[in-house]
Protein backbone atom coordinates (compact mmCIF):
# COMPACT_ATOMS: atom_id res chain seq x y z
CA MET A 1 129.15 -80.84 48.04
CA PRO A 2 131.05 -77.65 48.97
CA ASN A 3 129.25 -74.53 50.08
CA LEU A 4 128.49 -73.04 46.66
CA SER A 5 127.75 -69.58 47.96
CA GLN A 6 131.37 -69.14 48.99
CA TYR A 7 132.42 -69.53 45.34
CA ILE A 8 129.90 -67.08 43.91
CA GLY A 9 129.87 -64.65 46.78
CA THR A 10 126.08 -64.54 47.31
CA LYS A 11 123.47 -66.14 49.49
CA CYS A 12 121.39 -68.72 47.62
CA ASP A 13 118.05 -70.38 48.18
CA ASN A 14 117.75 -74.14 47.55
CA ASN A 15 116.51 -73.84 43.95
CA THR A 16 119.29 -71.41 43.03
CA MET A 17 121.82 -73.69 44.69
CA LYS A 18 120.63 -76.63 42.59
CA MET A 19 120.86 -74.63 39.37
CA GLU A 20 124.33 -73.40 40.23
CA ALA A 21 125.42 -76.90 41.25
CA SER A 22 124.43 -78.23 37.84
CA SER A 23 126.60 -75.63 36.11
CA LEU A 24 129.64 -76.00 38.36
CA ARG A 25 132.50 -78.21 37.27
CA LEU A 26 135.47 -79.40 39.33
CA LEU A 27 138.56 -79.48 37.09
CA TYR A 28 141.80 -81.20 38.04
CA GLY A 29 145.34 -80.40 36.90
CA ARG A 30 146.93 -77.32 35.40
CA GLY A 31 145.35 -77.77 31.99
CA SER A 32 146.87 -77.59 28.50
CA ASP A 33 147.33 -74.40 26.54
CA LEU A 34 144.44 -74.08 24.10
CA THR A 35 146.36 -71.51 22.03
CA ASN A 36 149.14 -74.00 21.22
CA ALA A 37 147.75 -75.02 17.82
CA LYS A 38 150.38 -77.72 17.20
CA ALA A 39 149.72 -79.46 20.52
CA VAL A 40 145.94 -79.20 20.08
CA GLN A 41 146.10 -80.72 16.60
CA HIS A 42 148.39 -83.48 17.89
CA ARG A 43 145.89 -84.33 20.62
CA ALA A 44 143.13 -84.64 18.03
CA LYS A 45 145.31 -86.90 15.88
CA CYS A 46 146.14 -89.12 18.86
CA LYS A 47 142.47 -89.37 19.79
CA LEU A 48 141.48 -90.37 16.26
CA ILE A 49 144.15 -93.10 16.02
CA THR A 50 143.46 -94.44 19.50
CA GLN A 51 139.67 -94.54 19.33
CA THR A 52 139.63 -96.12 15.86
CA THR A 53 142.17 -98.77 16.88
CA MET A 54 140.47 -99.52 20.21
CA LEU A 55 137.18 -100.41 18.51
CA LYS A 56 138.96 -103.12 16.51
CA LEU A 57 140.95 -104.33 19.51
CA ILE A 58 137.74 -104.59 21.55
CA ASP A 59 136.22 -106.86 18.89
CA VAL A 60 139.29 -109.11 18.87
CA ALA A 61 139.55 -109.28 22.67
CA ASN A 62 135.83 -110.05 22.94
CA GLU A 63 136.20 -112.85 20.43
CA ARG A 64 139.08 -114.29 22.47
CA GLY A 65 137.16 -114.01 25.75
CA ALA A 66 139.76 -111.63 27.22
CA LYS A 67 137.37 -109.68 29.47
CA GLU A 68 140.12 -107.81 31.32
CA ARG A 69 141.65 -106.51 28.08
CA VAL A 70 138.20 -105.56 26.79
CA LYS A 71 137.72 -103.43 29.90
CA SER A 72 141.13 -101.79 29.44
CA TYR A 73 140.49 -101.11 25.76
CA TRP A 74 137.13 -99.48 26.56
CA ASN A 75 138.83 -97.37 29.21
CA THR A 76 141.30 -96.14 26.59
CA TYR A 77 138.53 -95.66 24.03
CA TYR A 78 136.87 -93.13 26.34
CA CYS A 79 140.14 -91.38 27.29
CA GLN A 80 139.85 -87.68 26.42
CA SER A 81 136.31 -88.21 25.14
CA GLN A 82 135.16 -85.21 27.16
CA ILE A 83 137.20 -82.05 27.33
CA TYR A 84 136.41 -78.93 29.31
CA THR A 85 137.84 -75.56 28.38
CA VAL A 86 138.09 -72.45 30.51
CA ASP A 87 140.37 -69.42 30.48
CA GLY A 88 142.28 -70.62 27.41
CA LYS A 89 143.08 -74.06 28.80
CA MET A 90 141.86 -77.63 28.21
CA TYR A 91 141.12 -80.13 30.97
CA ALA A 92 140.47 -83.86 30.57
CA PRO A 93 141.20 -86.99 32.65
CA GLN A 94 143.71 -89.49 31.27
CA CYS A 95 143.40 -93.29 31.16
CA LYS A 96 147.21 -93.72 31.52
CA ASN A 97 147.08 -97.07 29.71
CA ARG A 98 150.14 -98.21 27.78
CA PHE A 99 148.31 -98.49 24.49
CA CYS A 100 146.79 -95.00 24.62
CA THR A 101 148.59 -92.86 22.03
CA TYR A 102 148.05 -89.61 23.90
CA CYS A 103 148.85 -90.92 27.39
CA CYS A 104 152.03 -92.56 26.07
CA GLY A 105 153.13 -89.16 24.80
CA VAL A 106 152.51 -87.60 28.21
CA ARG A 107 154.40 -90.42 29.89
CA LYS A 108 157.29 -90.01 27.45
CA ALA A 109 157.64 -86.33 28.34
CA GLU A 110 157.69 -87.19 32.05
CA LEU A 111 160.42 -89.80 31.53
CA ILE A 112 162.55 -87.40 29.50
CA ASN A 113 162.39 -84.85 32.31
CA LYS A 114 163.21 -87.57 34.80
CA TYR A 115 166.16 -89.28 33.10
CA LEU A 116 167.75 -86.73 30.75
CA PRO A 117 169.58 -84.82 33.55
CA VAL A 118 171.15 -88.11 34.66
CA LEU A 119 172.17 -89.19 31.14
CA GLN A 120 173.76 -85.81 30.43
CA LYS A 121 176.27 -86.51 33.21
CA TRP A 122 177.44 -89.76 31.57
CA ARG A 123 180.55 -89.17 29.47
CA ASP A 124 180.41 -92.00 26.94
CA VAL A 125 176.76 -93.04 26.51
CA HIS A 126 176.09 -96.05 24.28
CA PHE A 127 172.85 -97.33 22.79
CA ILE A 128 172.36 -101.11 22.81
CA THR A 129 169.77 -103.48 21.42
CA LEU A 130 169.59 -106.97 22.92
CA THR A 131 167.36 -109.40 21.10
CA ILE A 132 166.55 -113.03 20.40
CA LYS A 133 165.28 -114.87 17.34
CA SER A 134 161.72 -114.03 16.36
CA VAL A 135 158.98 -116.34 17.62
CA LYS A 136 155.38 -117.21 16.82
CA ALA A 137 152.52 -115.75 18.87
CA PRO A 138 152.05 -118.74 21.25
CA GLN A 139 155.72 -118.58 22.32
CA LEU A 140 155.82 -114.80 22.86
CA PRO A 141 154.74 -114.56 26.55
CA ARG A 142 157.16 -117.33 27.58
CA MET A 143 160.09 -115.77 25.71
CA ILE A 144 159.48 -112.32 27.19
CA LYS A 145 159.57 -113.85 30.68
CA ALA A 146 162.79 -115.65 29.78
CA MET A 147 164.35 -112.42 28.51
CA ASN A 148 163.54 -110.62 31.75
CA ARG A 149 164.96 -113.50 33.77
CA ALA A 150 168.15 -113.51 31.67
CA PHE A 151 168.68 -109.81 32.24
CA ARG A 152 168.17 -110.21 35.99
CA LEU A 153 170.78 -112.96 36.03
CA ILE A 154 173.29 -110.73 34.25
CA LYS A 155 172.65 -107.84 36.66
CA GLY A 156 172.89 -110.11 39.69
CA LYS A 157 176.13 -111.69 38.53
CA HIS A 158 177.89 -108.36 38.09
CA ALA A 159 176.40 -106.86 41.26
CA LYS A 160 178.12 -109.64 43.23
CA ARG A 161 181.36 -109.10 41.36
CA CYS A 162 181.16 -105.39 42.13
CA GLU A 163 180.64 -106.12 45.84
CA ARG A 164 183.76 -108.30 45.79
CA GLY A 165 185.71 -105.60 43.99
CA THR A 166 186.29 -107.80 40.93
CA GLY A 167 183.79 -106.36 38.47
CA LEU A 168 181.93 -103.37 37.11
CA LYS A 169 178.55 -102.32 38.42
CA LEU A 170 176.04 -102.28 35.57
CA ILE A 171 173.89 -99.17 35.30
CA GLY A 172 171.55 -97.91 32.62
CA ILE A 173 168.03 -97.41 31.31
CA LYS A 174 166.18 -100.31 29.68
CA SER A 175 162.96 -100.61 27.71
CA LEU A 176 161.08 -103.64 26.43
CA GLU A 177 159.65 -103.51 22.92
CA CYS A 178 158.11 -106.00 20.51
CA ASN A 179 157.69 -105.76 16.74
CA PHE A 180 155.49 -107.83 14.43
CA ASN A 181 156.61 -109.08 11.01
CA PRO A 182 153.52 -109.64 8.83
CA LYS A 183 155.50 -111.53 6.16
CA SER A 184 156.78 -114.25 8.47
CA LYS A 185 153.99 -113.75 11.05
CA THR A 186 156.55 -113.65 13.82
CA TYR A 187 157.26 -111.42 16.81
CA ASN A 188 160.60 -109.95 17.80
CA PRO A 189 160.82 -108.97 21.48
CA HIS A 190 163.93 -106.97 22.34
CA PHE A 191 165.50 -104.60 24.85
CA HIS A 192 166.77 -101.11 24.09
CA LEU A 193 169.32 -99.80 26.58
CA LEU A 194 171.36 -96.69 27.30
CA VAL A 195 174.53 -97.28 29.33
CA PRO A 196 177.34 -94.89 30.33
CA SER A 197 180.30 -96.60 28.61
CA LEU A 198 181.40 -98.84 25.75
CA GLU A 199 182.91 -101.28 28.24
CA MET A 200 179.54 -101.75 29.91
CA ALA A 201 177.82 -102.17 26.57
CA GLU A 202 180.24 -104.90 25.52
CA ILE A 203 179.79 -106.71 28.85
CA LEU A 204 176.02 -106.76 28.43
CA ILE A 205 176.19 -108.04 24.85
CA ASP A 206 178.73 -110.77 25.70
CA GLU A 207 176.74 -111.93 28.71
CA TRP A 208 173.52 -111.91 26.67
CA LEU A 209 175.06 -114.07 23.94
CA ASN A 210 176.55 -116.49 26.45
CA LEU A 211 173.19 -117.00 28.16
CA TRP A 212 171.09 -117.42 25.03
CA THR A 213 173.66 -119.27 22.88
CA LYS A 214 173.53 -119.53 19.08
CA LYS A 215 170.34 -121.57 19.24
CA TYR A 216 168.31 -118.50 20.18
CA THR A 217 170.29 -115.51 18.95
CA HIS A 218 173.54 -114.37 17.31
CA ARG A 219 175.90 -111.43 17.57
CA ASP A 220 174.87 -109.74 14.32
CA ALA A 221 171.35 -109.31 15.68
CA GLN A 222 172.60 -107.19 18.59
CA ASN A 223 173.33 -103.50 18.13
CA CYS A 224 175.78 -101.16 19.83
CA ARG A 225 176.63 -97.60 18.89
CA LYS A 226 177.88 -94.43 20.52
CA VAL A 227 175.21 -91.87 21.35
CA GLU A 228 175.65 -88.53 19.62
CA ASP A 229 172.33 -86.95 20.62
CA THR A 230 171.37 -87.99 24.15
CA GLU A 231 167.82 -86.66 24.12
CA LYS A 232 167.08 -88.17 20.70
CA ASP A 233 168.25 -91.62 21.75
CA LEU A 234 166.42 -91.40 25.07
CA ILE A 235 163.25 -90.78 23.07
CA GLU A 236 164.14 -93.80 20.91
CA VAL A 237 164.39 -95.97 24.01
CA ILE A 238 161.11 -94.89 25.60
CA LYS A 239 158.97 -94.16 22.53
CA TYR A 240 156.60 -97.19 22.58
CA GLU A 241 156.20 -100.86 23.46
CA ALA A 242 154.66 -101.86 20.11
CA LYS A 243 154.33 -100.17 16.75
CA VAL A 244 150.77 -99.34 15.79
CA PHE A 245 151.64 -98.84 12.11
CA THR A 246 153.56 -101.63 10.34
CA GLU A 247 154.66 -101.95 6.73
CA PRO A 248 153.26 -105.12 5.07
CA ASP A 249 156.70 -106.09 3.71
CA GLY A 250 158.13 -106.19 7.22
CA LYS A 251 160.55 -103.32 6.67
CA ARG A 252 161.37 -101.16 9.64
CA LYS A 253 161.23 -97.86 7.76
CA PRO A 254 158.00 -96.75 6.08
CA GLY A 255 157.81 -97.32 2.36
CA LYS A 256 155.27 -95.62 0.13
CA ARG A 257 153.08 -93.17 2.00
CA GLY A 258 149.78 -94.59 3.19
CA THR A 259 150.83 -98.22 2.71
CA ALA A 260 151.28 -99.05 6.40
CA LYS A 261 148.74 -101.28 8.12
CA ILE A 262 147.44 -101.78 11.62
CA TYR A 263 147.56 -105.51 12.38
CA VAL A 264 144.94 -105.63 15.09
CA ARG A 265 145.26 -109.27 16.15
CA ALA A 266 149.04 -108.95 16.32
CA LEU A 267 148.73 -105.83 18.48
CA ASP A 268 146.40 -107.66 20.85
CA ASN A 269 148.89 -110.54 21.06
CA ILE A 270 151.68 -108.12 21.96
CA TYR A 271 149.65 -106.23 24.56
CA ALA A 272 148.58 -109.54 26.13
CA ALA A 273 152.17 -110.82 26.25
CA LEU A 274 153.55 -107.60 27.73
CA LYS A 275 150.92 -107.32 30.46
CA GLY A 276 152.50 -107.46 33.90
CA ASN A 277 155.97 -106.65 32.56
CA ARG A 278 157.79 -103.44 33.33
CA ILE A 279 158.26 -101.70 30.00
CA ILE A 280 160.72 -98.95 30.99
CA ASP A 281 163.09 -99.28 33.92
CA ARG A 282 166.40 -98.07 35.28
CA PHE A 283 169.03 -100.27 36.87
CA GLY A 284 172.08 -99.62 39.03
CA PHE A 285 171.32 -95.99 39.89
CA ASN A 286 168.71 -93.80 41.56
CA VAL A 287 167.17 -90.52 40.51
CA PRO A 288 166.66 -87.68 42.98
CA ALA A 289 163.27 -88.00 44.61
CA LYS A 290 160.91 -85.19 43.79
CA LYS A 291 158.56 -83.76 46.35
CA LYS A 292 155.04 -84.90 45.60
CA GLU A 293 152.77 -82.03 44.73
CA ARG A 294 149.05 -82.00 45.30
CA THR A 295 147.05 -82.03 42.10
CA PRO A 296 145.60 -78.55 41.70
CA CYS A 297 141.86 -78.25 41.19
CA GLN A 298 139.35 -75.54 40.61
CA LEU A 299 135.59 -75.26 40.86
CA THR A 300 134.17 -73.19 38.03
CA ALA A 301 130.85 -72.38 36.41
CA ASP A 302 132.50 -71.12 33.22
CA ALA A 303 133.80 -74.41 31.80
CA VAL A 304 132.68 -75.31 28.28
CA ARG A 305 132.06 -79.00 27.63
CA TRP A 306 133.24 -80.68 24.42
CA GLN A 307 132.30 -84.24 23.42
CA TYR A 308 134.45 -86.22 20.99
CA ASN A 309 132.74 -87.35 17.80
CA LEU A 310 134.60 -89.97 15.77
CA ARG A 311 132.80 -89.12 12.54
CA SER A 312 133.75 -85.45 12.85
CA ARG A 313 137.33 -86.31 13.96
CA ASP A 314 136.95 -83.60 16.59
CA TRP A 315 135.35 -82.54 19.86
CA LEU A 316 131.96 -80.87 19.42
CA ASN A 317 130.04 -78.38 21.49
CA GLU A 318 126.33 -78.85 20.86
CA GLU A 319 125.27 -75.59 22.47
CA HIS A 320 127.44 -73.45 20.19
CA GLU A 321 127.50 -75.91 17.27
CA SER A 322 131.26 -75.60 16.98
CA THR A 323 134.38 -77.79 16.89
CA LEU A 324 137.30 -77.54 19.30
CA THR A 325 140.37 -78.10 17.11
CA ALA A 326 139.26 -77.95 13.45
CA TYR A 327 141.54 -80.96 12.94
CA MET A 328 141.57 -82.54 9.48
CA PRO A 329 143.55 -85.81 9.17
CA GLY A 330 145.82 -86.20 6.17
CA HIS A 331 144.91 -88.46 3.28
CA ASP A 332 147.53 -91.06 4.24
CA LEU A 333 146.23 -91.42 7.79
CA GLU A 334 142.62 -91.62 6.61
CA THR A 335 143.60 -94.34 4.14
CA ILE A 336 145.24 -96.40 6.86
CA LEU A 337 142.38 -96.01 9.34
CA GLN A 338 139.66 -96.62 6.75
CA ASN A 339 141.20 -99.29 4.53
CA ASN A 340 144.34 -100.72 6.17
CA MET A 341 143.03 -102.17 9.44
CA ASP A 342 143.93 -105.86 9.17
CA THR A 343 141.89 -108.10 11.47
CA ASP A 344 143.02 -111.43 10.02
CA VAL A 345 146.82 -111.71 10.19
CA GLU A 346 148.37 -112.58 13.55
């Protein structure tokens, strides 16, 4: 415990020290701007989606005896459950789990800042999708491992050719994603990539098809296009590892508003299969190393504590009987979370 009197500038007896200690709060980070209404409302929306989904995922993982996933889901459930505000800023620890809607957004912003300056130097950026035929849930972990191994083989082959001066060094950014089709009850794992030239894109697609053969994939399933908006396509590559909301007809684009479902068992299958795999990675190039900064912290007696309440869809302060964000979810989102949580299909 630090010397409290140095923070309040007075000498304290033991009882006063105890009272002041109970009111002091150590806050980490720089905090988020409480006056940014759009960001505050977005945080509340993320919390609602995440906490509601986690409760269902916990039930499924418990049923399957997946104790480690249960622990991770509970960790995400409590992410941002308590928020402290002081001097117009919000402070809350993050779980940093892949399936946390809010933490994924934070991670996405960090990756954009990290990779966008590099991509902007590439003259002919192309967006690629490399995929295989969809599989049933039991085959998903094995196929994801095979996909990663196939990509390593392609990189290794061309790295050796480059060393010999007979080939092109492959460089790019790659992400692993998996979609669920509720009609066929199948899973489609695939890679999204950004590479600096059409030539490199064609090499990757040709090598991918040669390795997998027509038994497991075909050319029409792969995608290649020139990037017109670098930042937009970078966001497309790093946006998520699995879709939380899925249309029942299996279409990629949303149909009628409020018709999407959350297929809980399918999500748990995907998260289980992706565990231990690197979701977003670069290959063939380095990014400038940034100097590590110490996480700022402050000890304050003025912080206001807010506790998240799922029924209220907001963080509440019992002392002042007030809400933090005044967030009100739209009808479509409420419909999905209340009525469209499917715990049967997988």
